[in-house]
């Protein structure tokens, strides 16, 4: 059983390493450098994210290959009661991603955070409200103003025209 798990981990790590190299190869077809006026080239983020994925997958492969034989852990990977919360968060993230093209990132992400922090995580309103309000502001200034990367806005796009006039 343990050898099968180690073999599966090795195969998945090798597959992810292959995907990483493939993505990096395609990313360098676009500029990967920083242009002072326009921000990062179109291939910069895909290249560096793929490089990080390659490093992480290499670490998993090395750890798996060098793993000493140990007794299998009899505990289940998931506690039975945790399947529900994992499914709930996965479903909420799927809905968030689907909403991004309709209402935009700056509405979909705060809605997810509101649900996750207040209702799923049962945090207080004192914790939830600043994060839900602050996150889209930070996202806007980081991606749109600093990096010049436009995020999807959906039907909220006209609301951003005054901000574009100020910052661009």
N, C-alpha and C. Protein backbone atom coordinates (compact mmCIF):
# COMPACT_ATOMS: atom_id res chain seq x y z
N UNK A 1 0.83 -1.20 0.00
CA UNK A 1 0.00 0.00 0.00
C UNK A 1 0.87 1.25 0.00
N UNK A 2 1.87 1.28 0.89
CA UNK A 2 2.72 2.46 0.99
C UNK A 2 3.50 2.68 -0.31
N UNK A 3 4.00 1.60 -0.89
CA UNK A 3 4.75 1.74 -2.14
C UNK A 3 3.86 2.28 -3.26
N UNK A 4 2.60 1.87 -3.25
CA UNK A 4 1.67 2.38 -4.27
C UNK A 4 1.44 3.88 -4.09
N UNK A 5 1.33 4.31 -2.83
CA UNK A 5 1.15 5.74 -2.56
C UNK A 5 2.38 6.52 -3.00
N UNK A 6 3.56 6.01 -2.66
CA UNK A 6 4.79 6.70 -3.05
C UNK A 6 4.93 6.74 -4.57
N UNK A 7 4.54 5.65 -5.23
CA UNK A 7 4.60 5.63 -6.69
C UNK A 7 3.62 6.65 -7.27
N UNK A 8 2.42 6.72 -6.71
CA UNK A 8 1.43 7.69 -7.19
C UNK A 8 1.93 9.12 -6.97
N UNK A 9 2.51 9.39 -5.80
CA UNK A 9 3.06 10.73 -5.54
C UNK A 9 4.15 11.07 -6.55
N UNK A 10 5.01 10.10 -6.84
CA UNK A 10 6.09 10.34 -7.80
C UNK A 10 5.53 10.62 -9.19
N UNK A 11 4.53 9.84 -9.61
CA UNK A 11 3.94 10.05 -10.93
C UNK A 11 3.25 11.40 -11.03
N UNK A 12 2.53 11.78 -9.99
CA UNK A 12 1.85 13.09 -10.01
C UNK A 12 2.88 14.21 -10.02
N UNK A 13 3.95 14.07 -9.22
CA UNK A 13 5.00 15.09 -9.21
C UNK A 13 5.65 15.21 -10.58
N UNK A 14 5.93 14.08 -11.22
CA UNK A 14 6.53 14.11 -12.56
C UNK A 14 5.57 14.76 -13.56
N UNK A 15 4.29 14.44 -13.46
CA UNK A 15 3.30 15.04 -14.35
C UNK A 15 3.22 16.55 -14.16
N UNK A 16 3.23 17.00 -12.91
CA UNK A 16 3.19 18.44 -12.64
C UNK A 16 4.47 19.13 -13.10
N UNK A 17 5.60 18.43 -12.96
CA UNK A 17 6.85 19.00 -13.45
C UNK A 17 6.79 19.17 -14.97
N UNK A 18 6.26 18.16 -15.66
CA UNK A 18 6.10 18.25 -17.11
C UNK A 18 5.18 19.40 -17.51
N UNK A 19 4.06 19.53 -16.81
CA UNK A 19 3.14 20.64 -17.09
C UNK A 19 3.81 21.99 -16.84
N UNK A 20 4.59 22.07 -15.77
CA UNK A 20 5.28 23.32 -15.45
C UNK A 20 6.23 23.73 -16.57
N UNK A 21 7.01 22.77 -17.04
CA UNK A 21 7.95 23.07 -18.13
C UNK A 21 7.18 23.48 -19.39
N UNK A 22 6.08 22.79 -19.68
CA UNK A 22 5.25 23.12 -20.83
C UNK A 22 4.71 24.54 -20.72
N UNK A 23 4.19 24.89 -19.55
CA UNK A 23 3.65 26.24 -19.35
C UNK A 23 4.75 27.29 -19.45
N UNK A 24 5.92 27.00 -18.89
CA UNK A 24 7.04 27.95 -18.97
C UNK A 24 7.46 28.15 -20.42
N UNK A 25 7.49 27.06 -21.18
CA UNK A 25 7.88 27.11 -22.58
C UNK A 25 6.93 28.02 -23.36
N UNK A 26 5.63 27.90 -23.10
CA UNK A 26 4.66 28.75 -23.77
C UNK A 26 4.69 30.19 -23.24
N UNK A 27 5.01 30.36 -21.97
CA UNK A 27 5.01 31.70 -21.38
C UNK A 27 6.10 32.57 -21.98
N UNK A 28 7.24 31.98 -22.35
CA UNK A 28 8.34 32.79 -22.89
C UNK A 28 8.07 33.26 -24.31
N UNK A 29 6.98 32.80 -24.92
CA UNK A 29 6.59 33.33 -26.23
C UNK A 29 6.11 34.78 -26.09
N UNK A 30 5.68 35.14 -24.89
CA UNK A 30 5.28 36.51 -24.58
C UNK A 30 6.39 37.17 -23.77
N UNK A 31 6.42 38.48 -23.71
CA UNK A 31 7.46 39.15 -22.90
C UNK A 31 7.31 38.77 -21.42
N UNK A 32 8.42 38.44 -20.79
CA UNK A 32 8.40 38.09 -19.37
C UNK A 32 9.07 39.16 -18.51
N UNK A 33 9.46 40.25 -19.13
CA UNK A 33 10.16 41.30 -18.39
C UNK A 33 9.19 42.41 -18.00
N UNK A 34 9.68 43.34 -17.22
CA UNK A 34 8.88 44.46 -16.72
C UNK A 34 9.08 45.67 -17.62
N UNK A 35 7.98 46.21 -18.09
CA UNK A 35 8.01 47.45 -18.86
C UNK A 35 7.56 48.56 -17.92
N UNK A 36 8.38 49.56 -17.73
CA UNK A 36 8.09 50.62 -16.78
C UNK A 36 6.78 51.34 -17.01
N UNK A 37 6.31 51.38 -18.26
CA UNK A 37 5.06 52.09 -18.55
C UNK A 37 3.85 51.16 -18.54
N UNK A 38 4.05 49.91 -18.91
CA UNK A 38 2.90 49.01 -19.05
C UNK A 38 2.87 47.89 -18.02
N UNK A 39 3.85 47.79 -17.17
CA UNK A 39 3.87 46.74 -16.17
C UNK A 39 4.52 45.46 -16.68
N UNK A 40 4.21 44.33 -16.06
CA UNK A 40 4.85 43.07 -16.45
C UNK A 40 4.36 42.62 -17.82
N UNK A 41 5.25 41.93 -18.52
CA UNK A 41 4.86 41.37 -19.81
C UNK A 41 3.82 40.28 -19.63
N UNK A 42 3.15 39.95 -20.72
CA UNK A 42 2.07 38.97 -20.66
C UNK A 42 2.50 37.59 -20.22
N UNK A 43 3.77 37.27 -20.34
CA UNK A 43 4.24 35.95 -19.94
C UNK A 43 4.88 35.90 -18.57
N UNK A 44 4.99 37.05 -17.90
CA UNK A 44 5.71 37.09 -16.63
C UNK A 44 5.04 36.24 -15.56
N UNK A 45 3.76 36.48 -15.31
CA UNK A 45 3.09 35.72 -14.25
C UNK A 45 2.99 34.23 -14.59
N UNK A 46 2.59 33.86 -15.81
CA UNK A 46 2.57 32.42 -16.11
C UNK A 46 3.94 31.77 -15.96
N UNK A 47 4.99 32.48 -16.38
CA UNK A 47 6.32 31.89 -16.28
C UNK A 47 6.73 31.67 -14.83
N UNK A 48 6.59 32.71 -14.00
CA UNK A 48 7.06 32.59 -12.62
C UNK A 48 6.17 31.68 -11.78
N UNK A 49 4.88 31.67 -12.03
CA UNK A 49 4.01 30.72 -11.32
C UNK A 49 4.35 29.29 -11.72
N UNK A 50 4.65 29.08 -13.00
CA UNK A 50 5.06 27.75 -13.44
C UNK A 50 6.40 27.36 -12.85
N UNK A 51 7.31 28.32 -12.72
CA UNK A 51 8.61 28.03 -12.11
C UNK A 51 8.44 27.63 -10.64
N UNK A 52 7.54 28.31 -9.93
CA UNK A 52 7.26 27.94 -8.54
C UNK A 52 6.64 26.55 -8.48
N UNK A 53 5.71 26.27 -9.40
CA UNK A 53 5.09 24.94 -9.45
C UNK A 53 6.14 23.87 -9.75
N UNK A 54 7.09 24.16 -10.63
CA UNK A 54 8.16 23.22 -10.94
C UNK A 54 9.02 22.97 -9.71
N UNK A 55 9.37 24.01 -8.97
CA UNK A 55 10.18 23.85 -7.76
C UNK A 55 9.44 23.03 -6.71
N UNK A 56 8.16 23.32 -6.51
CA UNK A 56 7.38 22.57 -5.52
C UNK A 56 7.24 21.11 -5.92
N UNK A 57 6.98 20.86 -7.19
CA UNK A 57 6.85 19.47 -7.66
C UNK A 57 8.17 18.73 -7.55
N UNK A 58 9.27 19.43 -7.81
CA UNK A 58 10.58 18.80 -7.66
C UNK A 58 10.82 18.44 -6.20
N UNK A 59 10.42 19.32 -5.29
CA UNK A 59 10.54 19.03 -3.86
C UNK A 59 9.73 17.81 -3.46
N UNK A 60 8.51 17.69 -3.98
CA UNK A 60 7.68 16.52 -3.68
C UNK A 60 8.34 15.26 -4.22
N UNK A 61 8.86 15.33 -5.44
CA UNK A 61 9.50 14.15 -6.03
C UNK A 61 10.73 13.73 -5.23
N UNK A 62 11.57 14.69 -4.87
CA UNK A 62 12.78 14.37 -4.09
C UNK A 62 12.40 13.77 -2.75
N UNK A 63 11.43 14.37 -2.07
CA UNK A 63 10.99 13.85 -0.77
C UNK A 63 10.42 12.44 -0.91
N UNK A 64 9.67 12.20 -1.97
CA UNK A 64 9.07 10.89 -2.17
C UNK A 64 10.12 9.84 -2.48
N UNK A 65 11.07 10.19 -3.34
CA UNK A 65 12.11 9.23 -3.72
C UNK A 65 12.99 8.90 -2.52
N UNK A 66 13.26 9.90 -1.69
CA UNK A 66 14.13 9.68 -0.54
C UNK A 66 13.39 9.19 0.71
N UNK A 67 12.08 9.03 0.59
CA UNK A 67 11.29 8.63 1.76
C UNK A 67 11.72 7.26 2.25
N UNK A 68 11.88 7.17 3.55
CA UNK A 68 12.18 5.88 4.14
C UNK A 68 10.89 5.10 4.30
N UNK A 69 11.02 3.80 4.28
CA UNK A 69 9.83 2.97 4.48
C UNK A 69 9.35 3.17 5.90
N UNK A 70 8.10 3.50 6.03
CA UNK A 70 7.53 3.73 7.35
C UNK A 70 6.19 3.00 7.42
N UNK A 71 5.73 2.82 8.62
CA UNK A 71 4.45 2.14 8.79
C UNK A 71 3.34 3.03 8.27
N UNK A 72 2.38 2.44 7.56
CA UNK A 72 1.27 3.25 7.07
C UNK A 72 0.45 3.80 8.23
N UNK A 73 -0.01 5.02 8.07
CA UNK A 73 -0.84 5.68 9.07
C UNK A 73 -2.27 5.15 8.94
N UNK A 74 -2.80 4.56 10.01
CA UNK A 74 -4.15 3.98 9.90
C UNK A 74 -5.27 5.02 9.88
N UNK A 75 -4.95 6.26 10.21
CA UNK A 75 -6.00 7.29 10.23
C UNK A 75 -6.42 7.64 8.81
N UNK A 76 -7.69 7.95 8.62
CA UNK A 76 -8.14 8.34 7.27
C UNK A 76 -7.57 9.71 6.88
N UNK A 77 -7.45 9.92 5.58
CA UNK A 77 -6.94 11.20 5.09
C UNK A 77 -7.85 12.34 5.49
N UNK A 78 -9.16 12.13 5.37
CA UNK A 78 -10.17 13.09 5.80
C UNK A 78 -10.95 12.50 6.95
N UNK A 79 -11.16 13.28 7.98
CA UNK A 79 -12.12 12.87 8.99
C UNK A 79 -13.48 12.91 8.32
N UNK A 80 -14.36 11.95 8.60
CA UNK A 80 -15.65 11.92 7.91
C UNK A 80 -16.45 13.22 8.03
N UNK A 81 -16.34 13.92 9.13
CA UNK A 81 -17.08 15.16 9.31
C UNK A 81 -16.53 16.33 8.51
N UNK A 82 -15.36 16.19 7.91
CA UNK A 82 -14.74 17.29 7.17
C UNK A 82 -15.13 17.32 5.70
N UNK A 83 -15.73 16.28 5.20
CA UNK A 83 -16.10 16.24 3.79
C UNK A 83 -17.10 17.36 3.47
N UNK A 84 -18.09 17.55 4.34
CA UNK A 84 -19.10 18.58 4.12
C UNK A 84 -18.52 19.97 4.00
N UNK A 85 -17.69 20.42 4.97
CA UNK A 85 -17.09 21.75 4.84
C UNK A 85 -16.21 21.91 3.60
N UNK A 86 -15.47 20.87 3.24
CA UNK A 86 -14.63 20.96 2.04
C UNK A 86 -15.50 21.13 0.80
N UNK A 87 -16.58 20.38 0.72
CA UNK A 87 -17.50 20.49 -0.42
C UNK A 87 -18.15 21.88 -0.43
N UNK A 88 -18.53 22.39 0.74
CA UNK A 88 -19.18 23.71 0.81
C UNK A 88 -18.24 24.81 0.31
N UNK A 89 -16.98 24.79 0.73
CA UNK A 89 -16.03 25.81 0.29
C UNK A 89 -15.73 25.65 -1.20
N UNK A 90 -15.60 24.42 -1.66
CA UNK A 90 -15.36 24.19 -3.09
C UNK A 90 -16.51 24.72 -3.93
N UNK A 91 -17.73 24.46 -3.50
CA UNK A 91 -18.90 24.96 -4.21
C UNK A 91 -18.94 26.49 -4.18
N UNK A 92 -18.65 27.08 -3.03
CA UNK A 92 -18.65 28.54 -2.92
C UNK A 92 -17.58 29.17 -3.83
N UNK A 93 -16.41 28.56 -3.90
CA UNK A 93 -15.37 29.07 -4.80
C UNK A 93 -15.77 28.94 -6.26
N UNK A 94 -16.43 27.84 -6.59
CA UNK A 94 -16.91 27.65 -7.97
C UNK A 94 -17.92 28.72 -8.33
N UNK A 95 -18.83 29.01 -7.42
CA UNK A 95 -19.82 30.07 -7.65
C UNK A 95 -19.12 31.42 -7.78
N UNK A 96 -18.12 31.67 -6.95
CA UNK A 96 -17.37 32.93 -7.01
C UNK A 96 -16.72 33.10 -8.37
N UNK A 97 -16.07 32.06 -8.85
CA UNK A 97 -15.41 32.13 -10.16
C UNK A 97 -16.43 32.37 -11.26
N UNK A 98 -17.58 31.70 -11.18
CA UNK A 98 -18.63 31.90 -12.18
C UNK A 98 -19.17 33.33 -12.14
N UNK A 99 -19.28 33.90 -10.95
CA UNK A 99 -19.80 35.27 -10.81
C UNK A 99 -18.84 36.33 -11.32
N UNK A 100 -17.54 36.02 -11.36
CA UNK A 100 -16.56 37.04 -11.75
C UNK A 100 -16.82 37.61 -13.13
N UNK A 101 -17.24 36.79 -14.08
CA UNK A 101 -17.48 37.31 -15.42
C UNK A 101 -18.78 38.10 -15.50
N UNK A 102 -19.68 37.90 -14.54
CA UNK A 102 -20.97 38.59 -14.56
C UNK A 102 -20.91 39.89 -13.76
N UNK A 103 -20.55 39.80 -12.49
CA UNK A 103 -20.54 40.98 -11.63
C UNK A 103 -19.14 41.53 -11.37
N UNK A 104 -18.12 40.82 -11.80
CA UNK A 104 -16.75 41.29 -11.65
C UNK A 104 -16.07 40.79 -10.39
N UNK A 105 -14.76 40.88 -10.43
CA UNK A 105 -13.93 40.43 -9.32
C UNK A 105 -14.21 41.22 -8.05
N UNK A 106 -14.45 42.52 -8.21
CA UNK A 106 -14.59 43.39 -7.05
C UNK A 106 -15.93 43.24 -6.35
N UNK A 107 -16.83 42.46 -6.90
CA UNK A 107 -18.08 42.11 -6.22
C UNK A 107 -18.05 40.65 -5.81
N UNK A 108 -17.58 39.77 -6.69
CA UNK A 108 -17.58 38.33 -6.42
C UNK A 108 -16.67 37.97 -5.24
N UNK A 109 -15.47 38.52 -5.21
CA UNK A 109 -14.53 38.19 -4.13
C UNK A 109 -15.04 38.66 -2.77
N UNK A 110 -15.52 39.90 -2.64
CA UNK A 110 -16.08 40.29 -1.34
C UNK A 110 -17.29 39.46 -0.92
N UNK A 111 -18.13 39.06 -1.88
CA UNK A 111 -19.27 38.20 -1.53
C UNK A 111 -18.79 36.86 -0.97
N UNK A 112 -17.77 36.28 -1.61
CA UNK A 112 -17.20 35.03 -1.10
C UNK A 112 -16.62 35.25 0.28
N UNK A 113 -15.87 36.33 0.45
CA UNK A 113 -15.25 36.59 1.75
C UNK A 113 -16.29 36.81 2.83
N UNK A 114 -17.37 37.51 2.50
CA UNK A 114 -18.45 37.72 3.45
C UNK A 114 -19.03 36.38 3.89
N UNK A 115 -19.33 35.53 2.92
CA UNK A 115 -19.87 34.21 3.26
C UNK A 115 -18.85 33.42 4.09
N UNK A 116 -17.61 33.39 3.63
CA UNK A 116 -16.60 32.55 4.28
C UNK A 116 -16.28 33.04 5.70
N UNK A 117 -16.06 34.32 5.85
CA UNK A 117 -15.65 34.85 7.15
C UNK A 117 -16.80 34.89 8.15
N UNK A 118 -17.93 35.45 7.72
CA UNK A 118 -19.02 35.67 8.68
C UNK A 118 -19.88 34.43 8.90
N UNK A 119 -20.29 33.78 7.84
CA UNK A 119 -21.27 32.70 7.97
C UNK A 119 -20.62 31.33 8.08
N UNK A 120 -19.59 31.07 7.29
CA UNK A 120 -18.91 29.77 7.38
C UNK A 120 -17.95 29.76 8.57
N UNK A 121 -17.15 30.81 8.69
CA UNK A 121 -16.15 30.87 9.76
C UNK A 121 -16.64 31.44 11.06
N UNK A 122 -17.83 32.03 11.06
CA UNK A 122 -18.47 32.60 12.26
C UNK A 122 -17.60 33.66 12.94
N UNK A 123 -16.92 34.48 12.13
CA UNK A 123 -16.15 35.60 12.69
C UNK A 123 -17.09 36.75 12.97
N UNK A 124 -16.65 37.66 13.80
CA UNK A 124 -17.48 38.82 14.15
C UNK A 124 -17.55 39.79 12.98
N UNK A 125 -18.53 40.69 13.05
CA UNK A 125 -18.64 41.73 12.03
C UNK A 125 -17.44 42.66 12.09
N UNK A 126 -16.83 42.83 13.27
CA UNK A 126 -15.64 43.69 13.41
C UNK A 126 -14.47 43.15 12.61
N UNK A 127 -14.39 41.86 12.47
CA UNK A 127 -13.33 41.26 11.66
C UNK A 127 -13.74 41.22 10.19
N UNK A 128 -14.99 40.87 9.94
CA UNK A 128 -15.46 40.63 8.58
C UNK A 128 -15.53 41.90 7.73
N UNK A 129 -16.14 42.95 8.25
CA UNK A 129 -16.39 44.15 7.44
C UNK A 129 -15.10 44.80 6.93
N UNK A 130 -14.09 45.02 7.78
CA UNK A 130 -12.86 45.63 7.23
C UNK A 130 -12.21 44.79 6.14
N UNK A 131 -12.23 43.48 6.29
CA UNK A 131 -11.62 42.62 5.28
C UNK A 131 -12.44 42.62 3.99
N UNK A 132 -13.76 42.56 4.12
CA UNK A 132 -14.62 42.53 2.93
C UNK A 132 -14.54 43.86 2.17
N UNK A 133 -14.43 44.96 2.88
CA UNK A 133 -14.34 46.27 2.24
C UNK A 133 -12.91 46.55 1.76
N UNK A 134 -11.93 46.17 2.54
CA UNK A 134 -10.54 46.49 2.20
C UNK A 134 -9.94 45.66 1.09
N UNK A 135 -10.35 44.41 0.98
CA UNK A 135 -9.75 43.53 -0.02
C UNK A 135 -9.93 44.03 -1.45
N UNK A 136 -11.14 44.42 -1.88
CA UNK A 136 -11.25 44.90 -3.25
C UNK A 136 -10.46 46.19 -3.50
N UNK A 137 -10.32 47.01 -2.48
CA UNK A 137 -9.53 48.24 -2.63
C UNK A 137 -8.06 47.89 -2.84
N UNK A 138 -7.54 46.98 -2.01
CA UNK A 138 -6.15 46.54 -2.15
C UNK A 138 -5.95 45.85 -3.50
N UNK A 139 -6.88 44.99 -3.90
CA UNK A 139 -6.78 44.32 -5.19
C UNK A 139 -6.72 45.33 -6.34
N UNK A 140 -7.58 46.34 -6.28
CA UNK A 140 -7.61 47.35 -7.34
C UNK A 140 -6.27 48.06 -7.45
N UNK A 141 -5.76 48.55 -6.33
CA UNK A 141 -4.50 49.30 -6.39
C UNK A 141 -3.32 48.41 -6.75
N UNK A 142 -3.32 47.17 -6.28
CA UNK A 142 -2.20 46.28 -6.60
C UNK A 142 -2.22 45.87 -8.07
N UNK A 143 -3.35 45.33 -8.52
CA UNK A 143 -3.39 44.81 -9.89
C UNK A 143 -3.58 45.90 -10.93
N UNK A 144 -4.55 46.76 -10.75
CA UNK A 144 -4.91 47.70 -11.81
C UNK A 144 -3.99 48.92 -11.84
N UNK A 145 -3.61 49.44 -10.69
CA UNK A 145 -2.80 50.66 -10.66
C UNK A 145 -1.31 50.32 -10.68
N UNK A 146 -0.85 49.44 -9.78
CA UNK A 146 0.58 49.16 -9.69
C UNK A 146 1.07 48.26 -10.82
N UNK A 147 0.35 47.16 -11.09
CA UNK A 147 0.82 46.20 -12.09
C UNK A 147 0.20 46.41 -13.47
N UNK A 148 -0.81 47.27 -13.55
CA UNK A 148 -1.51 47.54 -14.81
C UNK A 148 -2.13 46.28 -15.40
N UNK A 149 -2.66 45.42 -14.54
CA UNK A 149 -3.36 44.21 -14.96
C UNK A 149 -4.83 44.40 -14.65
N UNK A 150 -5.65 44.42 -15.69
CA UNK A 150 -7.08 44.64 -15.51
C UNK A 150 -7.75 43.34 -15.09
N UNK A 151 -8.54 43.40 -14.04
CA UNK A 151 -9.31 42.24 -13.58
C UNK A 151 -10.72 42.34 -14.13
N UNK A 152 -11.40 41.20 -14.26
CA UNK A 152 -12.77 41.22 -14.80
C UNK A 152 -13.70 42.07 -13.93
N UNK A 153 -14.52 42.88 -14.59
CA UNK A 153 -15.45 43.74 -13.85
C UNK A 153 -16.90 43.48 -14.19
N UNK A 154 -17.17 42.75 -15.24
CA UNK A 154 -18.55 42.42 -15.59
C UNK A 154 -19.41 43.66 -15.74
N UNK A 155 -20.61 43.61 -15.18
CA UNK A 155 -21.56 44.72 -15.31
C UNK A 155 -21.16 45.94 -14.49
N UNK A 156 -20.16 45.80 -13.64
CA UNK A 156 -19.73 46.94 -12.81
C UNK A 156 -18.68 47.82 -13.51
N UNK A 157 -18.29 47.48 -14.73
CA UNK A 157 -17.25 48.22 -15.45
C UNK A 157 -17.50 49.73 -15.50
N UNK A 158 -18.71 50.21 -15.80
CA UNK A 158 -18.92 51.67 -15.85
C UNK A 158 -18.61 52.38 -14.52
N UNK A 159 -18.73 51.68 -13.42
CA UNK A 159 -18.43 52.30 -12.12
C UNK A 159 -16.94 52.62 -11.97
N UNK A 160 -16.10 51.99 -12.78
CA UNK A 160 -14.66 52.18 -12.68
C UNK A 160 -14.14 53.29 -13.59
N UNK A 161 -14.96 53.81 -14.49
CA UNK A 161 -14.50 54.85 -15.40
C UNK A 161 -13.94 56.07 -14.67
N UNK A 162 -14.58 56.56 -13.60
CA UNK A 162 -13.97 57.70 -12.88
C UNK A 162 -12.61 57.36 -12.28
N UNK A 163 -12.45 56.12 -11.80
CA UNK A 163 -11.14 55.73 -11.25
C UNK A 163 -10.09 55.64 -12.34
N UNK A 164 -10.49 55.15 -13.52
CA UNK A 164 -9.55 55.11 -14.65
C UNK A 164 -9.08 56.52 -15.00
N UNK A 165 -10.01 57.47 -14.96
CA UNK A 165 -9.66 58.86 -15.29
C UNK A 165 -8.66 59.43 -14.29
N UNK A 166 -8.75 59.00 -13.05
CA UNK A 166 -7.84 59.50 -12.02
C UNK A 166 -6.46 58.86 -12.13
N UNK A 167 -6.41 57.54 -12.32
CA UNK A 167 -5.14 56.82 -12.22
C UNK A 167 -4.45 56.55 -13.55
N UNK A 168 -5.14 56.74 -14.67
CA UNK A 168 -4.49 56.41 -15.95
C UNK A 168 -4.46 57.59 -16.86
